[in-house]
Amino acid sequence: MSTPRYPMPDLNALPDDIKAKVLEVQEKAGFVPNVFLALARRPAEWRAFFAYHDALMLKEDSGLSKGDREMIVTTTSAANHCLYCVVAHGAILRIYEKKPLVADQVAVNHRKADITPRQRAMLDFAMKVCQRSHEIEDADFEALHAHGFSDEDAWDIAAITAFFGLSNRMASFSGMEPNPEFYLMGRVPKAK
């Protein structure tokens, strides 16, 4: 494990709005994911980051399920070599999809993962946006349309991929480590 390059701010020293959101997340998850504190060292950036995160990941009127969104994040974060995002979002993916193996499968090779053809087409598009966005063409949209995705869904896939490209790079350069709790989430039954 590496040491984070920037110290985590003290929760009690954070602006009230950020502290309230962090405590809300802690109440729901049972711990504070490191990303919430690591980015809080710059409150204006934290607010902008999580506003866009929530606009993409909590969007109600989308052709993408919560599991689809987490699958995009896990797959493209692996391509970007971001340990934090693969582990954290892989945990959430396992929970949403109720499949303890899916996160590992899509992180290593989504083409061989136990996912639907629709999800495979979604991840093919996301990976092209992630690695070769300058090569996106009409045929890529047509491949999505064949699986029932709209052009707005394509935008969501691309926006999630691009946003997490930013997140991946921030987590990696800063030495952000995944919380230990993420590693078992969705793999073993929750303690009662």
N, C-alpha and C. Protein backbone atom coordinates (compact mmCIF):
# COMPACT_ATOMS: atom_id res chain seq x y z
N MET A 1 0.84 -1.18 0.00
CA MET A 1 0.00 0.00 0.00
C MET A 1 0.89 1.24 0.00
N SER A 2 0.51 2.18 -0.84
CA SER A 2 1.26 3.44 -0.87
C SER A 2 0.62 4.42 0.11
N THR A 3 1.37 5.44 0.42
CA THR A 3 0.87 6.48 1.30
C THR A 3 0.27 7.59 0.44
N PRO A 4 -0.92 8.07 0.81
CA PRO A 4 -1.48 9.18 0.04
C PRO A 4 -0.51 10.36 0.01
N ARG A 5 -0.41 11.00 -1.14
CA ARG A 5 0.52 12.13 -1.29
C ARG A 5 0.02 13.40 -0.63
N TYR A 6 -1.28 13.47 -0.36
CA TYR A 6 -1.86 14.65 0.27
C TYR A 6 -2.61 14.19 1.51
N PRO A 7 -2.41 14.87 2.63
CA PRO A 7 -3.10 14.44 3.86
C PRO A 7 -4.62 14.63 3.75
N MET A 8 -5.33 13.72 4.36
CA MET A 8 -6.79 13.82 4.40
C MET A 8 -7.15 14.94 5.38
N PRO A 9 -8.08 15.81 5.01
CA PRO A 9 -8.49 16.85 5.95
C PRO A 9 -9.30 16.25 7.10
N ASP A 10 -9.31 16.94 8.20
CA ASP A 10 -10.10 16.55 9.36
C ASP A 10 -11.57 16.79 9.04
N LEU A 11 -12.39 15.78 9.23
CA LEU A 11 -13.82 15.88 8.93
C LEU A 11 -14.44 17.09 9.62
N ASN A 12 -14.06 17.33 10.87
CA ASN A 12 -14.66 18.43 11.63
C ASN A 12 -14.21 19.81 11.17
N ALA A 13 -13.18 19.87 10.33
CA ALA A 13 -12.68 21.15 9.81
C ALA A 13 -13.30 21.49 8.45
N LEU A 14 -14.12 20.61 7.92
CA LEU A 14 -14.70 20.83 6.59
C LEU A 14 -15.86 21.83 6.66
N PRO A 15 -16.13 22.51 5.53
CA PRO A 15 -17.33 23.36 5.49
C PRO A 15 -18.57 22.53 5.80
N ASP A 16 -19.56 23.18 6.40
CA ASP A 16 -20.75 22.47 6.89
C ASP A 16 -21.45 21.63 5.83
N ASP A 17 -21.58 22.16 4.59
CA ASP A 17 -22.29 21.41 3.55
C ASP A 17 -21.55 20.13 3.18
N ILE A 18 -20.22 20.20 3.12
CA ILE A 18 -19.42 19.02 2.77
C ILE A 18 -19.42 18.03 3.92
N LYS A 19 -19.26 18.53 5.13
CA LYS A 19 -19.30 17.66 6.31
C LYS A 19 -20.63 16.91 6.38
N ALA A 20 -21.73 17.61 6.12
CA ALA A 20 -23.06 16.96 6.17
C ALA A 20 -23.16 15.85 5.14
N LYS A 21 -22.67 16.08 3.93
CA LYS A 21 -22.72 15.06 2.87
C LYS A 21 -21.85 13.87 3.23
N VAL A 22 -20.65 14.13 3.77
CA VAL A 22 -19.75 13.04 4.16
C VAL A 22 -20.40 12.20 5.27
N LEU A 23 -21.01 12.85 6.23
CA LEU A 23 -21.67 12.11 7.32
C LEU A 23 -22.86 11.30 6.80
N GLU A 24 -23.56 11.84 5.80
CA GLU A 24 -24.68 11.11 5.18
C GLU A 24 -24.17 9.84 4.49
N VAL A 25 -23.06 9.96 3.79
CA VAL A 25 -22.45 8.80 3.12
C VAL A 25 -21.97 7.79 4.16
N GLN A 26 -21.36 8.28 5.23
CA GLN A 26 -20.88 7.39 6.29
C GLN A 26 -22.05 6.63 6.92
N GLU A 27 -23.16 7.31 7.14
CA GLU A 27 -24.34 6.67 7.72
C GLU A 27 -24.84 5.54 6.82
N LYS A 28 -24.87 5.80 5.53
CA LYS A 28 -25.38 4.81 4.57
C LYS A 28 -24.41 3.65 4.37
N ALA A 29 -23.11 3.96 4.20
CA ALA A 29 -22.12 2.93 3.88
C ALA A 29 -21.53 2.25 5.11
N GLY A 30 -21.53 2.95 6.24
CA GLY A 30 -20.89 2.41 7.44
C GLY A 30 -19.44 2.84 7.56
N PHE A 31 -18.95 3.58 6.60
CA PHE A 31 -17.58 4.12 6.61
C PHE A 31 -17.54 5.29 5.63
N VAL A 32 -16.45 6.05 5.68
CA VAL A 32 -16.30 7.18 4.77
C VAL A 32 -15.36 6.76 3.64
N PRO A 33 -15.87 6.62 2.42
CA PRO A 33 -14.98 6.31 1.30
C PRO A 33 -13.90 7.40 1.18
N ASN A 34 -12.68 6.96 0.99
CA ASN A 34 -11.55 7.89 0.99
C ASN A 34 -11.69 9.04 0.00
N VAL A 35 -12.35 8.82 -1.12
CA VAL A 35 -12.49 9.88 -2.12
C VAL A 35 -13.19 11.11 -1.54
N PHE A 36 -14.13 10.91 -0.63
CA PHE A 36 -14.87 12.04 -0.07
C PHE A 36 -13.98 12.96 0.74
N LEU A 37 -13.04 12.38 1.48
CA LEU A 37 -12.13 13.22 2.26
C LEU A 37 -10.96 13.72 1.42
N ALA A 38 -10.44 12.87 0.55
CA ALA A 38 -9.27 13.25 -0.24
C ALA A 38 -9.57 14.48 -1.10
N LEU A 39 -10.73 14.54 -1.71
CA LEU A 39 -11.07 15.68 -2.56
C LEU A 39 -11.56 16.88 -1.77
N ALA A 40 -11.93 16.69 -0.51
CA ALA A 40 -12.46 17.78 0.31
C ALA A 40 -11.40 18.81 0.68
N ARG A 41 -10.14 18.51 0.41
CA ARG A 41 -9.08 19.49 0.70
C ARG A 41 -9.25 20.74 -0.14
N ARG A 42 -10.04 20.65 -1.22
CA ARG A 42 -10.36 21.80 -2.06
C ARG A 42 -11.89 21.86 -2.21
N PRO A 43 -12.56 22.54 -1.29
CA PRO A 43 -14.02 22.51 -1.23
C PRO A 43 -14.74 22.89 -2.53
N ALA A 44 -14.30 23.91 -3.25
CA ALA A 44 -15.00 24.29 -4.48
C ALA A 44 -14.91 23.17 -5.52
N GLU A 45 -13.76 22.54 -5.61
CA GLU A 45 -13.59 21.43 -6.55
C GLU A 45 -14.41 20.22 -6.10
N TRP A 46 -14.46 19.96 -4.80
CA TRP A 46 -15.26 18.86 -4.24
C TRP A 46 -16.72 19.04 -4.66
N ARG A 47 -17.24 20.26 -4.46
CA ARG A 47 -18.65 20.52 -4.79
C ARG A 47 -18.91 20.30 -6.28
N ALA A 48 -18.02 20.80 -7.13
CA ALA A 48 -18.20 20.65 -8.58
C ALA A 48 -18.10 19.17 -8.98
N PHE A 49 -17.12 18.48 -8.42
CA PHE A 49 -16.91 17.06 -8.73
C PHE A 49 -18.16 16.26 -8.37
N PHE A 50 -18.65 16.40 -7.14
CA PHE A 50 -19.78 15.58 -6.72
C PHE A 50 -21.10 16.03 -7.34
N ALA A 51 -21.21 17.29 -7.73
CA ALA A 51 -22.41 17.71 -8.45
C ALA A 51 -22.48 17.01 -9.81
N TYR A 52 -21.35 16.96 -10.51
CA TYR A 52 -21.35 16.28 -11.81
C TYR A 52 -21.48 14.76 -11.62
N HIS A 53 -20.79 14.22 -10.62
CA HIS A 53 -20.92 12.80 -10.30
C HIS A 53 -22.39 12.43 -10.12
N ASP A 54 -23.06 13.19 -9.27
CA ASP A 54 -24.46 12.87 -8.97
C ASP A 54 -25.36 13.06 -10.19
N ALA A 55 -25.08 14.07 -11.00
CA ALA A 55 -25.88 14.29 -12.22
C ALA A 55 -25.77 13.08 -13.16
N LEU A 56 -24.61 12.46 -13.21
CA LEU A 56 -24.41 11.30 -14.08
C LEU A 56 -24.87 9.99 -13.44
N MET A 57 -24.49 9.79 -12.20
CA MET A 57 -24.66 8.47 -11.58
C MET A 57 -26.02 8.29 -10.89
N LEU A 58 -26.70 9.38 -10.59
CA LEU A 58 -28.00 9.29 -9.92
C LEU A 58 -29.15 9.71 -10.83
N LYS A 59 -28.84 9.88 -12.10
CA LYS A 59 -29.82 10.34 -13.09
C LYS A 59 -30.99 9.35 -13.16
N GLU A 60 -32.19 9.88 -13.10
CA GLU A 60 -33.39 9.04 -13.10
C GLU A 60 -33.87 8.69 -14.51
N ASP A 61 -33.79 9.61 -15.44
CA ASP A 61 -34.34 9.42 -16.78
C ASP A 61 -33.25 8.96 -17.75
N SER A 62 -32.78 7.77 -17.54
CA SER A 62 -31.70 7.23 -18.37
C SER A 62 -32.03 5.80 -18.76
N GLY A 63 -31.53 5.41 -19.92
CA GLY A 63 -31.67 4.02 -20.35
C GLY A 63 -30.64 3.11 -19.70
N LEU A 64 -29.83 3.68 -18.81
CA LEU A 64 -28.81 2.90 -18.11
C LEU A 64 -29.26 2.62 -16.68
N SER A 65 -29.11 1.40 -16.26
CA SER A 65 -29.40 1.06 -14.87
C SER A 65 -28.23 1.51 -13.99
N LYS A 66 -28.42 1.48 -12.69
CA LYS A 66 -27.32 1.80 -11.77
C LYS A 66 -26.19 0.81 -11.96
N GLY A 67 -26.54 -0.45 -12.17
CA GLY A 67 -25.52 -1.47 -12.42
C GLY A 67 -24.75 -1.20 -13.70
N ASP A 68 -25.45 -0.78 -14.77
CA ASP A 68 -24.79 -0.44 -16.03
C ASP A 68 -23.75 0.66 -15.80
N ARG A 69 -24.15 1.68 -15.06
CA ARG A 69 -23.25 2.82 -14.82
C ARG A 69 -22.00 2.38 -14.06
N GLU A 70 -22.20 1.57 -13.04
CA GLU A 70 -21.04 1.10 -12.26
C GLU A 70 -20.17 0.16 -13.10
N MET A 71 -20.79 -0.58 -14.01
CA MET A 71 -20.04 -1.46 -14.91
C MET A 71 -19.15 -0.63 -15.84
N ILE A 72 -19.67 0.47 -16.34
CA ILE A 72 -18.86 1.37 -17.18
C ILE A 72 -17.68 1.89 -16.38
N VAL A 73 -17.93 2.34 -15.16
CA VAL A 73 -16.86 2.89 -14.32
C VAL A 73 -15.80 1.84 -14.04
N THR A 74 -16.22 0.65 -13.65
CA THR A 74 -15.27 -0.40 -13.30
C THR A 74 -14.41 -0.80 -14.51
N THR A 75 -15.05 -0.97 -15.64
CA THR A 75 -14.34 -1.41 -16.85
C THR A 75 -13.35 -0.36 -17.33
N THR A 76 -13.80 0.89 -17.45
CA THR A 76 -12.90 1.93 -17.96
C THR A 76 -11.84 2.32 -16.93
N SER A 77 -12.16 2.22 -15.65
CA SER A 77 -11.16 2.50 -14.62
C SER A 77 -10.04 1.48 -14.65
N ALA A 78 -10.38 0.24 -14.98
CA ALA A 78 -9.33 -0.78 -15.13
C ALA A 78 -8.43 -0.44 -16.31
N ALA A 79 -9.03 0.01 -17.40
CA ALA A 79 -8.22 0.41 -18.57
C ALA A 79 -7.30 1.57 -18.23
N ASN A 80 -7.74 2.42 -17.29
CA ASN A 80 -6.93 3.56 -16.86
C ASN A 80 -6.03 3.23 -15.67
N HIS A 81 -6.01 1.95 -15.27
CA HIS A 81 -5.15 1.47 -14.18
C HIS A 81 -5.40 2.18 -12.86
N CYS A 82 -6.67 2.45 -12.56
CA CYS A 82 -7.01 3.14 -11.32
C CYS A 82 -7.50 2.15 -10.28
N LEU A 83 -6.62 1.79 -9.37
CA LEU A 83 -6.95 0.83 -8.32
C LEU A 83 -8.14 1.30 -7.49
N TYR A 84 -8.11 2.56 -7.06
CA TYR A 84 -9.19 3.04 -6.19
C TYR A 84 -10.55 2.84 -6.85
N CYS A 85 -10.71 3.30 -8.09
CA CYS A 85 -12.01 3.25 -8.73
C CYS A 85 -12.44 1.83 -9.10
N VAL A 86 -11.50 0.99 -9.48
CA VAL A 86 -11.85 -0.40 -9.78
C VAL A 86 -12.38 -1.08 -8.52
N VAL A 87 -11.68 -0.90 -7.41
CA VAL A 87 -12.09 -1.56 -6.17
C VAL A 87 -13.39 -0.98 -5.63
N ALA A 88 -13.48 0.35 -5.55
CA ALA A 88 -14.67 0.99 -4.97
C ALA A 88 -15.91 0.77 -5.84
N HIS A 89 -15.78 1.04 -7.13
CA HIS A 89 -16.95 0.90 -8.01
C HIS A 89 -17.24 -0.56 -8.34
N GLY A 90 -16.21 -1.38 -8.31
CA GLY A 90 -16.43 -2.82 -8.46
C GLY A 90 -17.29 -3.36 -7.33
N ALA A 91 -17.08 -2.85 -6.12
CA ALA A 91 -17.89 -3.27 -4.96
C ALA A 91 -19.35 -2.88 -5.17
N ILE A 92 -19.57 -1.66 -5.62
CA ILE A 92 -20.94 -1.19 -5.85
C ILE A 92 -21.58 -1.98 -6.99
N LEU A 93 -20.80 -2.26 -8.03
CA LEU A 93 -21.29 -3.06 -9.16
C LEU A 93 -21.74 -4.44 -8.69
N ARG A 94 -20.94 -5.09 -7.87
CA ARG A 94 -21.31 -6.43 -7.37
C ARG A 94 -22.65 -6.38 -6.63
N ILE A 95 -22.84 -5.32 -5.86
CA ILE A 95 -24.08 -5.19 -5.09
C ILE A 95 -25.27 -4.95 -6.02
N TYR A 96 -25.16 -4.00 -6.95
CA TYR A 96 -26.27 -3.69 -7.85
C TYR A 96 -26.63 -4.87 -8.74
N GLU A 97 -25.63 -5.56 -9.26
CA GLU A 97 -25.89 -6.67 -10.18
C GLU A 97 -26.15 -7.99 -9.46
N LYS A 98 -25.86 -8.03 -8.15
CA LYS A 98 -26.03 -9.24 -7.35
C LYS A 98 -25.23 -10.41 -7.93
N LYS A 99 -24.02 -10.07 -8.39
CA LYS A 99 -23.11 -11.05 -8.99
C LYS A 99 -21.72 -10.84 -8.39
N PRO A 100 -21.27 -11.73 -7.52
CA PRO A 100 -19.99 -11.51 -6.85
C PRO A 100 -18.76 -11.55 -7.75
N LEU A 101 -18.88 -12.07 -8.96
CA LEU A 101 -17.71 -12.20 -9.84
C LEU A 101 -17.65 -11.14 -10.93
N VAL A 102 -18.74 -10.42 -11.17
CA VAL A 102 -18.83 -9.56 -12.35
C VAL A 102 -17.79 -8.44 -12.39
N ALA A 103 -17.49 -7.83 -11.27
CA ALA A 103 -16.54 -6.71 -11.27
C ALA A 103 -15.15 -7.17 -11.70
N ASP A 104 -14.72 -8.30 -11.18
CA ASP A 104 -13.41 -8.83 -11.57
C ASP A 104 -13.39 -9.17 -13.06
N GLN A 105 -14.49 -9.74 -13.52
CA GLN A 105 -14.57 -10.14 -14.93
C GLN A 105 -14.49 -8.94 -15.87
N VAL A 106 -15.28 -7.91 -15.61
CA VAL A 106 -15.27 -6.76 -16.53
C VAL A 106 -13.99 -5.96 -16.40
N ALA A 107 -13.38 -5.96 -15.23
CA ALA A 107 -12.12 -5.23 -15.05
C ALA A 107 -11.00 -5.88 -15.84
N VAL A 108 -11.02 -7.20 -15.93
CA VAL A 108 -9.96 -7.91 -16.66
C VAL A 108 -10.25 -7.97 -18.16
N ASN A 109 -11.49 -8.38 -18.52
CA ASN A 109 -11.83 -8.49 -19.94
C ASN A 109 -13.35 -8.55 -20.09
N HIS A 110 -13.96 -7.40 -20.35
CA HIS A 110 -15.42 -7.35 -20.44
C HIS A 110 -15.96 -8.23 -21.56
N ARG A 111 -15.15 -8.53 -22.56
CA ARG A 111 -15.61 -9.34 -23.69
C ARG A 111 -15.84 -10.80 -23.28
N LYS A 112 -15.24 -11.24 -22.18
CA LYS A 112 -15.42 -12.62 -21.72
C LYS A 112 -16.23 -12.69 -20.42
N ALA A 113 -16.74 -11.55 -19.97
CA ALA A 113 -17.48 -11.51 -18.71
C ALA A 113 -18.88 -12.10 -18.87
N ASP A 114 -19.44 -12.53 -17.76
CA ASP A 114 -20.80 -13.06 -17.71
C ASP A 114 -21.78 -11.89 -17.65
N ILE A 115 -21.95 -11.22 -18.80
CA ILE A 115 -22.85 -10.07 -18.91
C ILE A 115 -23.71 -10.27 -20.16
N THR A 116 -24.72 -9.44 -20.31
CA THR A 116 -25.62 -9.57 -21.45
C THR A 116 -24.95 -8.99 -22.71
N PRO A 117 -25.43 -9.40 -23.89
CA PRO A 117 -24.93 -8.79 -25.13
C PRO A 117 -25.13 -7.26 -25.13
N ARG A 118 -26.22 -6.81 -24.56
CA ARG A 118 -26.48 -5.36 -24.47
C ARG A 118 -25.38 -4.69 -23.64
N GLN A 119 -25.06 -5.26 -22.49
CA GLN A 119 -24.00 -4.68 -21.66
C GLN A 119 -22.65 -4.74 -22.36
N ARG A 120 -22.40 -5.79 -23.10
CA ARG A 120 -21.14 -5.90 -23.84
C ARG A 120 -21.03 -4.79 -24.88
N ALA A 121 -22.12 -4.52 -25.59
CA ALA A 121 -22.13 -3.43 -26.58
C ALA A 121 -21.89 -2.08 -25.88
N MET A 122 -22.51 -1.90 -24.73
CA MET A 122 -22.32 -0.67 -23.94
C MET A 122 -20.86 -0.50 -23.55
N LEU A 123 -20.24 -1.58 -23.10
CA LEU A 123 -18.84 -1.51 -22.67
C LEU A 123 -17.89 -1.38 -23.86
N ASP A 124 -18.24 -1.97 -24.99
CA ASP A 124 -17.42 -1.77 -26.20
C ASP A 124 -17.37 -0.27 -26.53
N PHE A 125 -18.53 0.37 -26.47
CA PHE A 125 -18.61 1.81 -26.76
C PHE A 125 -17.82 2.60 -25.71
N ALA A 126 -18.03 2.27 -24.44
CA ALA A 126 -17.32 2.98 -23.36
C ALA A 126 -15.81 2.84 -23.50
N MET A 127 -15.35 1.65 -23.84
CA MET A 127 -13.91 1.44 -23.98
C MET A 127 -13.35 2.21 -25.17
N LYS A 128 -14.13 2.33 -26.22
CA LYS A 128 -13.65 3.11 -27.37
C LYS A 128 -13.58 4.59 -26.99
N VAL A 129 -14.57 5.08 -26.25
CA VAL A 129 -14.52 6.46 -25.76
C VAL A 129 -13.31 6.64 -24.84
N CYS A 130 -13.07 5.67 -24.00
CA CYS A 130 -11.96 5.72 -23.04
C CYS A 130 -10.60 5.76 -23.73
N GLN A 131 -10.42 4.92 -24.73
CA GLN A 131 -9.09 4.73 -25.32
C GLN A 131 -8.89 5.40 -26.67
N ARG A 132 -10.01 5.60 -27.43
CA ARG A 132 -9.86 6.13 -28.79
C ARG A 132 -11.07 6.97 -29.18
N SER A 133 -11.42 7.93 -28.34
CA SER A 133 -12.64 8.71 -28.58
C SER A 133 -12.62 9.42 -29.94
N HIS A 134 -11.44 9.73 -30.41
CA HIS A 134 -11.31 10.40 -31.71
C HIS A 134 -11.72 9.49 -32.88
N GLU A 135 -11.90 8.20 -32.62
CA GLU A 135 -12.29 7.26 -33.67
C GLU A 135 -13.78 6.92 -33.65
N ILE A 136 -14.54 7.51 -32.72
CA ILE A 136 -15.98 7.23 -32.67
C ILE A 136 -16.62 7.68 -33.98
N GLU A 137 -17.49 6.80 -34.52
CA GLU A 137 -18.16 7.11 -35.79
C GLU A 137 -19.59 6.59 -35.74
N ASP A 138 -20.31 6.84 -36.80
CA ASP A 138 -21.72 6.45 -36.85
C ASP A 138 -21.92 4.96 -36.56
N ALA A 139 -21.02 4.12 -37.03
CA ALA A 139 -21.16 2.68 -36.81
C ALA A 139 -21.16 2.33 -35.32
N ASP A 140 -20.46 3.10 -34.51
CA ASP A 140 -20.44 2.85 -33.07
C ASP A 140 -21.81 3.14 -32.46
N PHE A 141 -22.48 4.20 -32.95
CA PHE A 141 -23.83 4.51 -32.49
C PHE A 141 -24.81 3.45 -32.98
N GLU A 142 -24.62 2.99 -34.21
CA GLU A 142 -25.50 1.96 -34.77
C GLU A 142 -25.41 0.67 -33.96
N ALA A 143 -24.21 0.32 -33.50
CA ALA A 143 -24.04 -0.88 -32.67
C ALA A 143 -24.81 -0.74 -31.36
N LEU A 144 -24.85 0.46 -30.80
CA LEU A 144 -25.63 0.70 -29.59
C LEU A 144 -27.13 0.64 -29.89
N HIS A 145 -27.54 1.27 -30.98
CA HIS A 145 -28.96 1.28 -31.36
C HIS A 145 -29.49 -0.15 -31.53
N ALA A 146 -28.66 -1.04 -32.04
CA ALA A 146 -29.07 -2.43 -32.25
C ALA A 146 -29.43 -3.12 -30.94
N HIS A 147 -28.96 -2.56 -29.82
CA HIS A 147 -29.25 -3.14 -28.50
C HIS A 147 -30.23 -2.28 -27.70
N GLY A 148 -30.89 -1.36 -28.40
CA GLY A 148 -31.92 -0.56 -27.75
C GLY A 148 -31.45 0.70 -27.07
N PHE A 149 -30.19 1.06 -27.23
CA PHE A 149 -29.69 2.30 -26.65
C PHE A 149 -30.05 3.48 -27.56
N SER A 150 -30.40 4.60 -26.97
CA SER A 150 -30.68 5.82 -27.73
C SER A 150 -29.39 6.66 -27.83
N ASP A 151 -29.46 7.73 -28.60
CA ASP A 151 -28.32 8.65 -28.66
C ASP A 151 -28.08 9.32 -27.31
N GLU A 152 -29.14 9.54 -26.54
CA GLU A 152 -28.98 10.09 -25.18
C GLU A 152 -28.28 9.09 -24.26
N ASP A 153 -28.57 7.81 -24.44
CA ASP A 153 -27.86 6.78 -23.67
C ASP A 153 -26.37 6.78 -24.04
N ALA A 154 -26.09 6.95 -25.34
CA ALA A 154 -24.70 7.02 -25.78
C ALA A 154 -23.98 8.19 -25.11
N TRP A 155 -24.68 9.32 -25.01
CA TRP A 155 -24.11 10.49 -24.32
C TRP A 155 -23.80 10.12 -22.87
N ASP A 156 -24.75 9.45 -22.20
CA ASP A 156 -24.53 9.05 -20.80
C ASP A 156 -23.32 8.13 -20.68
N ILE A 157 -23.21 7.16 -21.56
CA ILE A 157 -22.07 6.22 -21.53
C ILE A 157 -20.77 7.01 -21.69
N ALA A 158 -20.74 7.91 -22.66
CA ALA A 158 -19.53 8.69 -22.91
C ALA A 158 -19.23 9.64 -21.76
N ALA A 159 -20.25 10.29 -21.22
CA ALA A 159 -20.03 11.25 -20.13
C ALA A 159 -19.52 10.54 -18.87
N ILE A 160 -20.08 9.39 -18.56
CA ILE A 160 -19.59 8.62 -17.39
C ILE A 160 -18.15 8.21 -17.63
N THR A 161 -17.85 7.72 -18.81
CA THR A 161 -16.48 7.32 -19.14
C THR A 161 -15.52 8.49 -19.00
N ALA A 162 -15.89 9.63 -19.55
CA ALA A 162 -15.02 10.80 -19.51
C ALA A 162 -14.86 11.35 -18.09
N PHE A 163 -15.95 11.43 -17.35
CA PHE A 163 -15.88 11.93 -15.97
C PHE A 163 -14.97 11.05 -15.13
N PHE A 164 -15.12 9.74 -15.27
CA PHE A 164 -14.28 8.86 -14.47
C PHE A 164 -12.85 8.80 -14.97
N GLY A 165 -12.60 9.21 -16.22
CA GLY A 165 -11.21 9.40 -16.65
C GLY A 165 -10.54 10.46 -15.79
N LEU A 166 -11.27 11.54 -15.51
CA LEU A 166 -10.78 12.58 -14.59
C LEU A 166 -10.59 11.99 -13.19
N SER A 167 -11.60 11.32 -12.69
CA SER A 167 -11.55 10.74 -11.36
C SER A 167 -10.39 9.76 -11.23
N ASN A 168 -10.21 8.90 -12.24
CA ASN A 168 -9.13 7.92 -12.23
C ASN A 168 -7.78 8.60 -12.09
N ARG A 169 -7.58 9.65 -12.84
CA ARG A 169 -6.29 10.34 -12.82
C ARG A 169 -6.05 11.05 -11.50
N MET A 170 -7.10 11.64 -10.93
CA MET A 170 -6.95 12.30 -9.62
C MET A 170 -6.63 11.27 -8.53
N ALA A 171 -7.32 10.15 -8.56
CA ALA A 171 -7.08 9.11 -7.56
C ALA A 171 -5.68 8.53 -7.69
N SER A 172 -5.26 8.28 -8.92
CA SER A 172 -3.95 7.65 -9.14
C SER A 172 -2.80 8.58 -8.79
N PHE A 173 -2.83 9.81 -9.28
CA PHE A 173 -1.69 10.70 -9.03
C PHE A 173 -1.56 11.06 -7.56
N SER A 174 -2.70 11.10 -6.85
CA SER A 174 -2.68 11.52 -5.45
C SER A 174 -2.39 10.36 -4.49
N GLY A 175 -2.32 9.14 -5.02
CA GLY A 175 -2.04 7.99 -4.17
C GLY A 175 -3.23 7.56 -3.33
N MET A 176 -4.44 7.84 -3.80
CA MET A 176 -5.64 7.47 -3.06
C MET A 176 -5.77 5.95 -3.00
N GLU A 177 -5.94 5.43 -1.81
CA GLU A 177 -6.09 3.99 -1.61
C GLU A 177 -7.54 3.62 -1.37
N PRO A 178 -7.97 2.46 -1.88
CA PRO A 178 -9.35 2.01 -1.59
C PRO A 178 -9.49 1.69 -0.10
N ASN A 179 -10.64 1.98 0.45
CA ASN A 179 -10.92 1.58 1.83
C ASN A 179 -10.95 0.06 1.88
N PRO A 180 -10.43 -0.54 2.95
CA PRO A 180 -10.46 -2.01 3.06
C PRO A 180 -11.88 -2.59 2.96
N GLU A 181 -12.88 -1.85 3.42
CA GLU A 181 -14.27 -2.33 3.40
C GLU A 181 -14.74 -2.68 1.99
N PHE A 182 -14.23 -1.97 0.98
CA PHE A 182 -14.70 -2.20 -0.39
C PHE A 182 -14.38 -3.61 -0.90
N TYR A 183 -13.28 -4.18 -0.44
CA TYR A 183 -12.82 -5.45 -1.01
C TYR A 183 -13.80 -6.60 -0.83
N LEU A 184 -14.54 -6.61 0.26
CA LEU A 184 -15.47 -7.73 0.50
C LEU A 184 -16.92 -7.40 0.16
N MET A 185 -17.22 -6.14 -0.07
CA MET A 185 -18.60 -5.76 -0.38
C MET A 185 -19.11 -6.50 -1.61
N GLY A 186 -20.28 -7.09 -1.47
CA GLY A 186 -20.90 -7.78 -2.60
C GLY A 186 -20.30 -9.15 -2.89
N ARG A 187 -19.30 -9.53 -2.10
CA ARG A 187 -18.69 -10.87 -2.29
C ARG A 187 -19.19 -11.84 -1.22
N VAL A 188 -19.37 -11.31 -0.03
CA VAL A 188 -19.82 -12.14 1.10
C VAL A 188 -21.08 -11.52 1.69
N PRO A 189 -21.96 -12.33 2.25
CA PRO A 189 -23.18 -11.77 2.83
C PRO A 189 -22.84 -10.75 3.92
N LYS A 190 -23.68 -9.73 4.00
CA LYS A 190 -23.51 -8.68 5.01
C LYS A 190 -23.72 -9.26 6.39
N ALA A 191 -22.88 -8.84 7.34
CA ALA A 191 -23.05 -9.28 8.72
C ALA A 191 -24.33 -8.68 9.28
N LYS A 192 -25.05 -9.48 10.05
CA LYS A 192 -26.32 -9.00 10.61
C LYS A 192 -26.18 -8.67 12.06
